[in-house]
Amino acid sequence: MPLSRIQSRLKLNAGGQLSLHTRISLLLTAVVASMMLVLGGLWLTSTRDSIHEEIESATRVCEQWLNVLAGEARNAPSPSANKRLLTNIKAAGRIRANALEVIDSAGQRVYLSPQPTYKAGRASPAWFARITEPVFAQRRISAGTLTLIITPDSSRAGLDAWDNLFAMMAWACAFLAALFIAARWALNRALHPLDQIKTALEYTGQGRFDTRLPVYNSPDLNRLANAFNGMADRLNEAVNDNVRLESERELSHQLQARLEAERRSIAHELHDELAQGITAVRALAGAIVQRTTEYPALHGHAQNIIAVTNQIQEGIRHILQRLRPLGSDATIGLNQALQRYLELWQQHYPDLALHVDLYTETIQVSDELALTVLRIIQEGLTNVVRHASAAQVQLKLHYVHQDDDEWLELTLTDNGRGLSCKDSSNAGCGFGLIGMRERVVALHGELSIANLDGGGVCLWSRLPTSRKQANRTIDMSNMS
């Protein structure tokens, strides 16, 4: 394999670390290499023992042979015996694994065996020789006036061991390289789906929630793929729900805006046209009253007209109070606007005991939120009057601070007959509840209406006080 291709296979990832495939391949190769090193150590110990046994055996044979040759010179020393001994020794030449030196009685060297011709001129490294070549003591044999000195020589056996080790190291390196490449190839093939999973995760992170993984042969990878596909399905559904919900909120907001515009238009029409006409009728009736003191019958009818116009004006004033958006009362605040409306409502329905608990003066709310609170209260109280047959109504509007979130929490309860299947569509489950829900959804709030255990109905709503909090609320609901 070309070097550039091997280097490309060993490339680092973006974090400066080797890839998983490479790390596993290197780990497997390192384990096998460690086992080879252990086996190499055992082989060196065995080789040293073998060399020692071989050299020791050769030295004993050489010693026995020389003892036989030196017998004549030792038993009957003479120059001729010494000459015959040297002739036989020279004829033998190099003795295997031993160096032979002959010295006379004066200590002068008479003979030295030739150097070995096997792998002449070569030697194993000194460190290797210290490991594998044992040290032997010289052997001396007396032959009359001559002394034979045998020096065991394990250099050739050590050189053979070195050559064998070098060959084994070459084969081991080739094997380890082949093992690494084979393991890398096998891991690439086995873990190739991980690249697909990584790509799928990247696509999902980019918002492509239609990405799906195929079915794999590996059970583990197949479970991972199924889990990813399930997650992608849920994300896709959440995104679609979020888009649909945002579209519904936008539509609801537009409908509410048009509804408020229509309310303002109707209020202006009532004030400018009908109210002024009634005022004119009342003025004419007053003039008639002043001029008909002498005509009792006509005078009485004129006074009746004034009384009826007063009632009509009071009714129009009440209608205008309901139709008028809170934005026109922005300077007085939510609390005062609610108190004004509740006082007017109590005047119209004195038989209903209204208990009010308002704690919102310390916060500032938007006109949209204040208007939503007012409309929910208006619709809830209207349903109590129309359908509940209640004697008491309790209204609570509190400011709630939880963690980093701020809410307006509204609770409206009565002691009436509660909701039933027959009148549920009229008791708030029809257009009234739809309108309330649309307003609450537009502000990312919560709304619930339920019967109480002891009788009556509880209307509960929680509205975020800021747009940022509302966005965070809807994001969390989508995630869940």
Protein backbone atom coordinates (compact mmCIF):
# COMPACT_ATOMS: atom_id res chain seq x y z
CA MET A 1 0.00 0.00 0.00
CA PRO A 2 1.46 3.43 -0.88
CA LEU A 3 2.73 5.51 2.05
CA SER A 4 0.43 8.41 1.20
CA ARG A 5 -2.59 6.11 1.39
CA ILE A 6 -1.50 4.74 4.77
CA GLN A 7 -1.00 8.29 6.03
CA SER A 8 -4.45 9.24 4.80
CA ARG A 9 -5.89 6.29 6.70
CA LEU A 10 -4.18 7.54 9.85
CA LYS A 11 -5.60 11.03 9.49
CA LEU A 12 -6.64 12.92 12.61
CA ASN A 13 -10.13 14.14 13.26
CA ALA A 14 -11.12 17.75 13.89
CA GLY A 15 -10.30 17.47 17.59
CA GLY A 16 -6.70 16.40 16.91
CA GLN A 17 -7.33 12.76 17.89
CA LEU A 18 -7.10 9.57 15.91
CA SER A 19 -10.36 8.20 14.57
CA LEU A 20 -12.11 5.34 16.35
CA HIS A 21 -11.20 2.88 13.59
CA THR A 22 -7.52 3.79 13.83
CA ARG A 23 -7.46 3.64 17.63
CA ILE A 24 -9.02 0.18 17.71
CA SER A 25 -6.66 -1.06 14.99
CA LEU A 26 -3.65 0.34 16.84
CA LEU A 27 -4.85 -1.19 20.10
CA LEU A 28 -5.24 -4.62 18.51
CA THR A 29 -1.82 -4.32 16.88
CA ALA A 30 -0.27 -3.22 20.19
CA VAL A 31 -1.78 -6.21 22.00
CA VAL A 32 -0.39 -8.63 19.42
CA ALA A 33 2.98 -6.84 19.48
CA SER A 34 3.07 -7.15 23.28
CA MET A 35 2.40 -10.86 23.01
CA MET A 36 5.20 -11.12 20.46
CA LEU A 37 7.56 -9.31 22.82
CA VAL A 38 6.73 -11.74 25.60
CA LEU A 39 7.27 -14.67 23.26
CA GLY A 40 10.52 -13.05 22.10
CA GLY A 41 11.73 -12.85 25.69
CA LEU A 42 10.92 -16.51 26.21
CA TRP A 43 12.70 -17.35 22.96
CA LEU A 44 15.83 -15.46 24.07
CA THR A 45 15.90 -17.39 27.35
CA SER A 46 15.48 -20.68 25.53
CA THR A 47 18.12 -19.71 22.97
CA ARG A 48 20.65 -18.86 25.69
CA ASP A 49 20.06 -22.22 27.33
CA SER A 50 20.39 -23.99 23.97
CA ILE A 51 23.65 -22.20 23.18
CA HIS A 52 25.02 -23.05 26.60
CA GLU A 53 24.12 -26.71 26.17
CA GLU A 54 25.53 -26.83 22.66
CA ILE A 55 28.84 -25.18 23.53
CA GLU A 56 29.19 -27.21 26.71
CA SER A 57 28.67 -30.45 24.79
CA ALA A 58 31.15 -29.47 22.07
CA THR A 59 33.73 -28.47 24.68
CA ARG A 60 33.40 -31.80 26.52
CA VAL A 61 33.89 -33.73 23.28
CA CYS A 62 36.91 -31.60 22.41
CA GLU A 63 38.34 -32.06 25.90
CA GLN A 64 37.92 -35.83 25.72
CA TRP A 65 39.53 -36.02 22.29
CA LEU A 66 42.50 -33.91 23.36
CA ASN A 67 42.97 -36.00 26.50
CA VAL A 68 43.32 -39.04 24.28
CA LEU A 69 45.82 -37.30 21.98
CA ALA A 70 47.82 -35.92 24.89
CA GLY A 71 48.10 -39.31 26.60
CA GLU A 72 51.42 -40.29 24.93
CA ALA A 73 53.03 -36.88 25.53
CA ARG A 74 51.83 -36.89 29.13
CA ASN A 75 52.90 -40.47 29.92
CA ALA A 76 56.22 -40.44 28.01
CA PRO A 77 57.26 -36.85 27.43
CA SER A 78 59.64 -36.45 24.50
CA PRO A 79 60.14 -34.06 21.61
CA SER A 80 58.88 -36.67 19.17
CA ALA A 81 55.71 -37.19 21.20
CA ASN A 82 55.13 -33.45 21.32
CA LYS A 83 55.70 -33.26 17.57
CA ARG A 84 53.20 -36.01 16.85
CA LEU A 85 50.66 -34.29 19.15
CA LEU A 86 51.06 -30.96 17.34
CA THR A 87 50.79 -32.72 13.98
CA ASN A 88 47.49 -34.32 14.93
CA ILE A 89 46.15 -31.06 16.37
CA LYS A 90 47.10 -29.07 13.27
CA ALA A 91 45.55 -31.73 11.08
CA ALA A 92 42.25 -31.30 12.94
CA GLY A 93 42.23 -27.56 12.22
CA ARG A 94 39.39 -25.51 13.72
CA ILE A 95 37.55 -27.37 16.45
CA ARG A 96 33.80 -26.62 16.48
CA ALA A 97 32.76 -23.91 18.96
CA ASN A 98 36.20 -23.88 20.61
CA ALA A 99 39.54 -22.13 20.19
CA LEU A 100 42.67 -24.25 20.93
CA GLU A 101 45.99 -22.82 22.05
CA VAL A 102 49.17 -24.82 22.80
CA ILE A 103 51.96 -23.36 24.96
CA ASP A 104 55.30 -24.86 26.00
CA SER A 105 56.84 -25.05 29.42
CA ALA A 106 58.28 -21.54 29.01
CA GLY A 107 54.81 -20.12 28.36
CA GLN A 108 55.44 -19.47 24.69
CA ARG A 109 52.61 -20.08 22.27
CA VAL A 110 53.38 -23.03 20.06
CA TYR A 111 50.04 -23.30 18.26
CA LEU A 112 46.77 -21.34 17.90
CA SER A 113 43.79 -22.78 16.07
CA PRO A 114 42.59 -20.80 13.01
CA GLN A 115 39.64 -18.38 13.17
CA PRO A 116 36.22 -19.75 12.17
CA THR A 117 35.29 -19.49 8.51
CA TYR A 118 31.53 -19.74 9.19
CA LYS A 119 30.06 -16.23 8.76
CA ALA A 120 33.58 -14.85 8.95
CA GLY A 121 33.92 -11.14 9.61
CA ARG A 122 30.51 -10.82 11.28
CA ALA A 123 29.45 -10.68 14.90
CA SER A 124 26.21 -10.15 16.78
CA PRO A 125 25.71 -6.82 18.59
CA ALA A 126 27.44 -6.59 21.94
CA TRP A 127 24.15 -6.14 23.86
CA PHE A 128 22.70 -9.21 22.19
CA ALA A 129 25.86 -11.20 22.87
CA ARG A 130 25.62 -10.34 26.57
CA ILE A 131 22.07 -11.72 26.61
CA THR A 132 22.46 -14.90 24.58
CA GLU A 133 26.15 -15.91 24.80
CA PRO A 134 27.05 -17.52 28.13
CA VAL A 135 30.56 -17.16 29.60
CA PHE A 136 32.65 -20.33 29.86
CA ALA A 137 35.86 -20.99 31.76
CA GLN A 138 38.95 -22.11 29.89
CA ARG A 139 39.90 -25.78 30.06
CA ARG A 140 43.60 -26.76 30.46
CA ILE A 141 45.03 -30.17 29.55
CA SER A 142 48.58 -31.15 30.48
CA ALA A 143 50.57 -32.95 27.78
CA GLY A 144 54.06 -33.33 29.23
CA THR A 145 55.99 -30.16 28.51
CA LEU A 146 53.03 -28.76 26.56
CA THR A 147 49.78 -27.32 27.86
CA LEU A 148 46.58 -27.40 25.79
CA ILE A 149 44.18 -24.49 26.50
CA ILE A 150 40.57 -24.88 25.31
CA THR A 151 38.55 -21.63 25.13
CA PRO A 152 34.81 -22.20 24.41
CA ASP A 153 33.58 -19.82 21.65
CA SER A 154 29.80 -19.18 21.39
CA SER A 155 30.08 -16.26 18.98
CA ARG A 156 28.92 -18.31 15.96
CA ALA A 157 25.89 -19.69 17.80
CA GLY A 158 25.07 -16.18 19.05
CA LEU A 159 25.38 -14.86 15.50
CA ASP A 160 22.99 -17.56 14.28
CA ALA A 161 20.54 -16.54 17.02
CA TRP A 162 20.87 -12.88 16.00
CA ASP A 163 20.20 -13.72 12.35
CA ASN A 164 17.17 -15.77 13.36
CA LEU A 165 15.90 -12.94 15.57
CA PHE A 166 16.38 -10.38 12.81
CA ALA A 167 14.43 -12.55 10.37
CA MET A 168 11.67 -13.10 12.92
CA MET A 169 11.53 -9.36 13.64
CA ALA A 170 11.17 -8.63 9.94
CA TRP A 171 8.37 -11.17 9.61
CA ALA A 172 6.75 -9.87 12.82
CA CYS A 173 6.78 -6.28 11.54
CA ALA A 174 5.28 -7.41 8.26
CA PHE A 175 2.64 -9.39 10.14
CA LEU A 176 1.80 -6.45 12.42
CA ALA A 177 1.49 -4.11 9.45
CA ALA A 178 -0.76 -6.60 7.68
CA LEU A 179 -2.77 -7.06 10.89
CA PHE A 180 -3.23 -3.30 11.29
CA ILE A 181 -4.33 -2.85 7.69
CA ALA A 182 -6.66 -5.86 7.86
CA ALA A 183 -8.16 -4.72 11.16
CA ARG A 184 -8.58 -1.19 9.81
CA TRP A 185 -10.31 -2.50 6.70
CA ALA A 186 -12.56 -4.83 8.70
CA LEU A 187 -13.50 -2.04 11.13
CA ASN A 188 -14.18 0.37 8.28
CA ARG A 189 -16.48 -2.19 6.75
CA ALA A 190 -18.16 -3.14 10.03
CA LEU A 191 -18.51 0.42 11.36
CA HIS A 192 -19.34 2.10 8.07
CA PRO A 193 -22.94 2.63 9.29
CA LEU A 194 -21.52 4.97 11.96
CA ASP A 195 -20.60 7.39 9.17
CA GLN A 196 -24.19 7.21 7.94
CA ILE A 197 -25.46 7.83 11.47
CA LYS A 198 -23.07 10.78 11.87
CA THR A 199 -24.24 12.24 8.56
CA ALA A 200 -27.87 11.73 9.56
CA LEU A 201 -27.28 13.53 12.86
CA GLU A 202 -25.62 16.41 11.03
CA TYR A 203 -28.58 16.67 8.64
CA THR A 204 -30.99 16.58 11.58
CA GLY A 205 -28.98 19.30 13.30
CA GLN A 206 -29.38 21.40 10.16
CA GLY A 207 -33.16 21.04 10.36
CA ARG A 208 -33.64 18.23 7.82
CA PHE A 209 -35.97 16.17 10.00
CA ASP A 210 -37.00 13.93 7.10
CA THR A 211 -33.64 12.12 7.31
CA ARG A 212 -33.98 8.41 8.11
CA LEU A 213 -31.52 5.53 8.61
CA PRO A 214 -31.83 2.16 6.83
CA VAL A 215 -32.11 -1.27 8.46
CA TYR A 216 -28.70 -2.76 9.36
CA ASN A 217 -27.63 -6.38 9.72
CA SER A 218 -26.05 -5.69 13.10
CA PRO A 219 -28.65 -5.87 15.91
CA ASP A 220 -26.87 -3.17 17.92
CA LEU A 221 -26.67 -0.75 15.00
CA ASN A 222 -30.23 -1.60 14.04
CA ARG A 223 -31.46 -0.65 17.53
CA LEU A 224 -29.54 2.60 17.25
CA ALA A 225 -31.06 3.27 13.82
CA ASN A 226 -34.57 2.56 15.13
CA ALA A 227 -34.01 4.93 18.05
CA PHE A 228 -32.75 7.64 15.68
CA ASN A 229 -35.68 7.19 13.29
CA GLY A 230 -38.12 7.40 16.21
CA MET A 231 -36.44 10.58 17.42
CA ALA A 232 -36.58 12.05 13.90
CA ASP A 233 -40.29 11.21 13.64
CA ARG A 234 -41.00 12.94 16.94
CA LEU A 235 -38.93 15.97 15.95
CA ASN A 236 -40.72 16.17 12.61
CA GLU A 237 -44.10 15.97 14.33
CA ALA A 238 -43.04 18.60 16.87
CA VAL A 239 -41.87 20.95 14.12
CA ASN A 240 -45.07 20.44 12.14
CA ASP A 241 -47.13 21.01 15.29
CA ASN A 242 -45.11 24.12 16.05
CA VAL A 243 -45.62 25.49 12.54
CA ARG A 244 -49.33 24.71 12.70
CA LEU A 245 -49.61 26.22 16.17
CA GLU A 246 -47.79 29.37 15.12
CA SER A 247 -50.09 29.63 12.11
CA GLU A 248 -53.11 29.21 14.37
CA ARG A 249 -51.75 31.81 16.77
CA GLU A 250 -51.19 34.26 13.96
CA LEU A 251 -54.70 33.65 12.66
CA SER A 252 -56.11 33.97 16.17
CA HIS A 253 -54.20 37.20 16.68
CA GLN A 254 -55.56 38.59 13.42
CA LEU A 255 -59.09 37.53 14.33
CA GLN A 256 -58.78 39.15 17.74
CA ALA A 257 -57.44 42.32 16.17
CA ARG A 258 -60.35 42.42 13.72
CA LEU A 259 -62.79 41.64 16.52
CA GLU A 260 -61.46 44.50 18.64
CA ALA A 261 -61.58 46.80 15.63
CA GLU A 262 -65.19 45.78 15.07
CA ARG A 263 -65.94 46.38 18.77
CA ARG A 264 -64.45 49.86 18.54
CA SER A 265 -66.43 50.56 15.38
CA ILE A 266 -69.68 49.44 17.02
CA ALA A 267 -68.88 51.48 20.12
CA HIS A 268 -68.25 54.57 18.01
CA GLU A 269 -71.48 54.01 16.09
CA LEU A 270 -73.46 53.62 19.30
CA HIS A 271 -71.87 56.69 20.82
CA ASP A 272 -72.00 58.93 17.77
CA GLU A 273 -75.32 57.89 16.26
CA LEU A 274 -77.64 56.18 18.73
CA ALA A 275 -76.49 57.96 21.88
CA GLN A 276 -76.74 61.36 20.25
CA GLY A 277 -80.18 60.53 18.84
CA ILE A 278 -81.39 59.43 22.27
CA THR A 279 -79.95 62.60 23.78
CA ALA A 280 -81.89 64.61 21.21
CA VAL A 281 -85.09 62.69 21.99
CA ARG A 282 -84.53 63.29 25.70
CA ALA A 283 -84.04 67.01 25.06
CA LEU A 284 -87.23 67.19 22.99
CA ALA A 285 -89.12 65.27 25.68
CA GLY A 286 -87.81 67.71 28.28
CA ALA A 287 -89.00 70.63 26.22
CA ILE A 288 -92.43 69.02 25.92
CA VAL A 289 -92.54 68.52 29.69
CA GLN A 290 -91.83 72.21 30.22
CA ARG A 291 -94.56 73.29 27.79
CA THR A 292 -97.31 70.84 28.76
CA THR A 293 -97.86 71.60 32.38
CA GLU A 294 -101.42 72.53 31.51
CA TYR A 295 -102.00 69.19 29.74
CA PRO A 296 -101.55 66.45 32.32
CA ALA A 297 -101.95 63.51 29.91
CA LEU A 298 -99.36 64.81 27.45
CA HIS A 299 -97.15 65.92 30.31
CA GLY A 300 -97.15 62.37 31.75
CA HIS A 301 -96.27 60.77 28.41
CA ALA A 302 -93.36 63.20 27.99
CA GLN A 303 -92.03 62.26 31.42
CA ASN A 304 -92.33 58.57 30.49
CA ILE A 305 -90.26 59.27 27.38
CA ILE A 306 -87.57 60.90 29.53
CA ALA A 307 -87.53 57.88 31.89
CA VAL A 308 -87.27 55.43 28.98
CA THR A 309 -84.46 57.42 27.35
CA ASN A 310 -82.62 57.43 30.68
CA GLN A 311 -82.87 53.63 30.77
CA ILE A 312 -81.72 53.40 27.16
CA GLN A 313 -78.76 55.67 27.88
CA GLU A 314 -77.80 53.55 30.89
CA GLY A 315 -78.02 50.40 28.74
CA ILE A 316 -75.89 51.99 26.02
CA ARG A 317 -73.37 53.08 28.65
CA HIS A 318 -73.17 49.48 29.86
CA ILE A 319 -72.77 48.18 26.29
CA LEU A 320 -70.05 50.75 25.60
CA GLN A 321 -68.27 49.69 28.78
CA ARG A 322 -68.21 46.09 27.51
CA LEU A 323 -67.24 47.00 23.97
CA ARG A 324 -64.58 49.55 24.86
CA PRO A 325 -61.08 48.02 24.71
CA LEU A 326 -58.81 48.46 27.70
CA GLY A 327 -56.43 50.47 25.54
CA SER A 328 -58.66 53.47 26.00
CA ASP A 329 -58.10 53.11 29.76
CA ALA A 330 -54.37 52.48 29.53
CA THR A 331 -53.60 55.36 31.86
CA ILE A 332 -55.53 53.89 34.78
CA GLY A 333 -53.90 50.44 34.83
CA LEU A 334 -55.26 46.92 34.86
CA ASN A 335 -56.41 46.93 38.48
CA GLN A 336 -58.43 50.13 38.23
CA ALA A 337 -59.96 49.12 34.91
CA LEU A 338 -61.04 45.78 36.39
CA GLN A 339 -62.41 47.43 39.51
CA ARG A 340 -64.40 49.89 37.40
CA TYR A 341 -65.86 47.07 35.33
CA LEU A 342 -66.59 44.88 38.36
CA GLU A 343 -68.33 47.74 40.17
CA LEU A 344 -70.52 48.32 37.12
CA TRP A 345 -71.22 44.59 36.86
CA GLN A 346 -72.15 44.38 40.55
CA GLN A 347 -74.57 47.27 40.09
CA HIS A 348 -76.37 45.35 37.35
CA TYR A 349 -76.42 42.08 39.30
CA PRO A 350 -76.79 43.00 42.98
CA ASP A 351 -78.24 39.58 43.88
CA LEU A 352 -74.92 37.88 43.09
CA ALA A 353 -72.27 38.12 45.83
CA LEU A 354 -68.99 38.95 44.09
CA HIS A 355 -65.77 38.42 46.08
CA VAL A 356 -62.75 39.99 44.40
CA ASP A 357 -59.09 39.36 45.22
CA LEU A 358 -56.72 41.38 42.98
CA TYR A 359 -52.94 41.56 43.47
CA THR A 360 -51.44 42.97 40.30
CA GLU A 361 -50.58 46.57 41.14
CA THR A 362 -46.82 45.96 41.37
CA ILE A 363 -46.36 44.88 37.75
CA GLN A 364 -46.78 46.46 34.34
CA VAL A 365 -48.54 44.42 31.66
CA SER A 366 -49.08 45.02 27.98
CA ASP A 367 -52.38 46.29 26.62
CA GLU A 368 -52.86 42.97 24.82
CA LEU A 369 -52.45 40.99 28.04
CA ALA A 370 -54.66 43.37 30.02
CA LEU A 371 -57.36 43.19 27.35
CA THR A 372 -57.20 39.38 27.35
CA VAL A 373 -57.63 39.29 31.14
CA LEU A 374 -60.60 41.66 30.93
CA ARG A 375 -62.29 39.66 28.14
CA ILE A 376 -61.84 36.37 30.02
CA ILE A 377 -63.40 37.88 33.15
CA GLN A 378 -66.24 39.41 31.12
CA GLU A 379 -67.01 36.11 29.38
CA GLY A 380 -66.74 34.14 32.61
CA LEU A 381 -69.07 36.45 34.54
CA THR A 382 -71.52 36.46 31.63
CA ASN A 383 -71.64 32.65 31.69
CA VAL A 384 -72.24 32.72 35.46
CA VAL A 385 -75.23 35.03 35.01
CA ARG A 386 -76.68 33.13 32.06
CA HIS A 387 -76.14 29.50 32.99
CA ALA A 388 -74.80 28.91 36.51
CA SER A 389 -77.78 29.86 38.73
CA ALA A 390 -75.16 30.75 41.31
CA ALA A 391 -75.42 32.89 44.43
CA GLN A 392 -71.72 33.60 44.91
CA VAL A 393 -68.81 34.29 42.57
CA GLN A 394 -65.16 34.51 43.60
CA LEU A 395 -62.53 36.15 41.39
CA LYS A 396 -58.79 35.92 42.07
CA LEU A 397 -56.11 37.54 39.94
CA HIS A 398 -52.60 37.09 41.30
CA TYR A 399 -49.08 37.73 40.11
CA VAL A 400 -46.99 34.52 40.33
CA HIS A 401 -43.19 34.41 40.20
CA GLN A 402 -41.71 30.94 39.65
CA ASP A 403 -37.98 30.48 38.93
CA ASP A 404 -37.30 32.97 36.12
CA ASP A 405 -40.92 33.05 34.91
CA GLU A 406 -43.64 35.58 35.73
CA TRP A 407 -47.33 34.84 35.31
CA LEU A 408 -50.75 36.31 35.79
CA GLU A 409 -52.94 33.60 37.31
CA LEU A 410 -56.70 34.07 37.10
CA THR A 411 -59.28 31.92 38.92
CA LEU A 412 -63.05 32.44 38.64
CA THR A 413 -65.31 30.09 40.63
CA ASP A 414 -69.04 29.97 41.39
CA ASN A 415 -71.34 27.82 43.52
CA GLY A 416 -73.83 27.16 40.75
CA ARG A 417 -75.05 23.97 39.12
CA GLY A 418 -71.89 23.30 37.11
CA LEU A 419 -71.43 22.10 33.55
CA SER A 420 -73.63 19.40 32.04
CA CYS A 421 -73.76 17.64 28.71
CA LYS A 422 -77.02 19.39 27.87
CA ASP A 423 -75.83 22.93 28.40
CA SER A 424 -72.08 22.53 28.05
CA SER A 425 -72.16 24.15 24.66
CA ASN A 426 -73.85 27.16 26.18
CA ALA A 427 -71.91 27.24 29.43
CA GLY A 428 -68.62 28.12 27.87
CA CYS A 429 -67.83 25.21 25.55
CA GLY A 430 -69.17 27.04 22.52
CA PHE A 431 -68.20 30.36 21.02
CA GLY A 432 -67.47 31.94 24.41
CA LEU A 433 -64.87 29.31 25.32
CA ILE A 434 -63.50 29.33 21.78
CA GLY A 435 -62.94 33.07 22.03
CA MET A 436 -61.25 32.75 25.40
CA ARG A 437 -59.04 29.92 24.18
CA GLU A 438 -58.03 31.87 21.09
CA ARG A 439 -56.97 34.82 23.23
CA VAL A 440 -55.03 32.62 25.64
CA VAL A 441 -53.35 30.64 22.85
CA ALA A 442 -52.32 33.88 21.16
CA LEU A 443 -50.40 34.79 24.34
CA HIS A 444 -48.97 31.25 24.82
CA GLY A 445 -50.94 30.80 28.03
CA GLU A 446 -53.08 28.06 29.58
CA LEU A 447 -56.83 27.78 30.11
CA SER A 448 -59.05 25.17 31.76
CA ILE A 449 -62.72 24.97 32.77
CA ALA A 450 -63.94 22.17 35.05
CA ASN A 451 -66.66 21.30 37.54
CA LEU A 452 -65.88 21.59 41.25
CA ASP A 453 -66.41 18.61 43.54
CA GLY A 454 -68.76 20.56 45.81
CA GLY A 455 -70.72 22.07 42.91
CA GLY A 456 -70.07 24.97 40.61
CA VAL A 457 -67.48 25.67 37.94
CA CYS A 458 -63.84 26.76 38.12
CA LEU A 459 -62.35 28.77 35.26
CA TRP A 460 -58.55 28.89 35.54
CA SER A 461 -56.05 30.64 33.29
CA ARG A 462 -52.34 31.38 33.46
CA LEU A 463 -50.79 33.98 31.15
CA PRO A 464 -47.10 34.88 30.75
CA THR A 465 -46.32 38.53 31.37
CA SER A 466 -43.64 38.89 28.67
CA ARG A 467 -43.24 37.84 25.03
CA LYS A 468 -39.80 36.34 25.71
CA GLN A 469 -41.24 34.15 28.42
CA ALA A 470 -44.12 33.16 26.15
CA ASN A 471 -41.71 32.03 23.46
CA ARG A 472 -39.75 30.00 26.00
CA THR A 473 -42.98 28.44 27.24
CA ILE A 474 -44.03 27.26 23.80
CA ASP A 475 -40.56 25.92 23.05
CA MET A 476 -40.65 23.83 26.23
CA SER A 477 -44.13 22.53 25.44
CA ASN A 478 -43.00 21.47 21.96
CA MET A 479 -40.00 19.64 23.40
CA SER A 480 -42.16 17.78 25.86
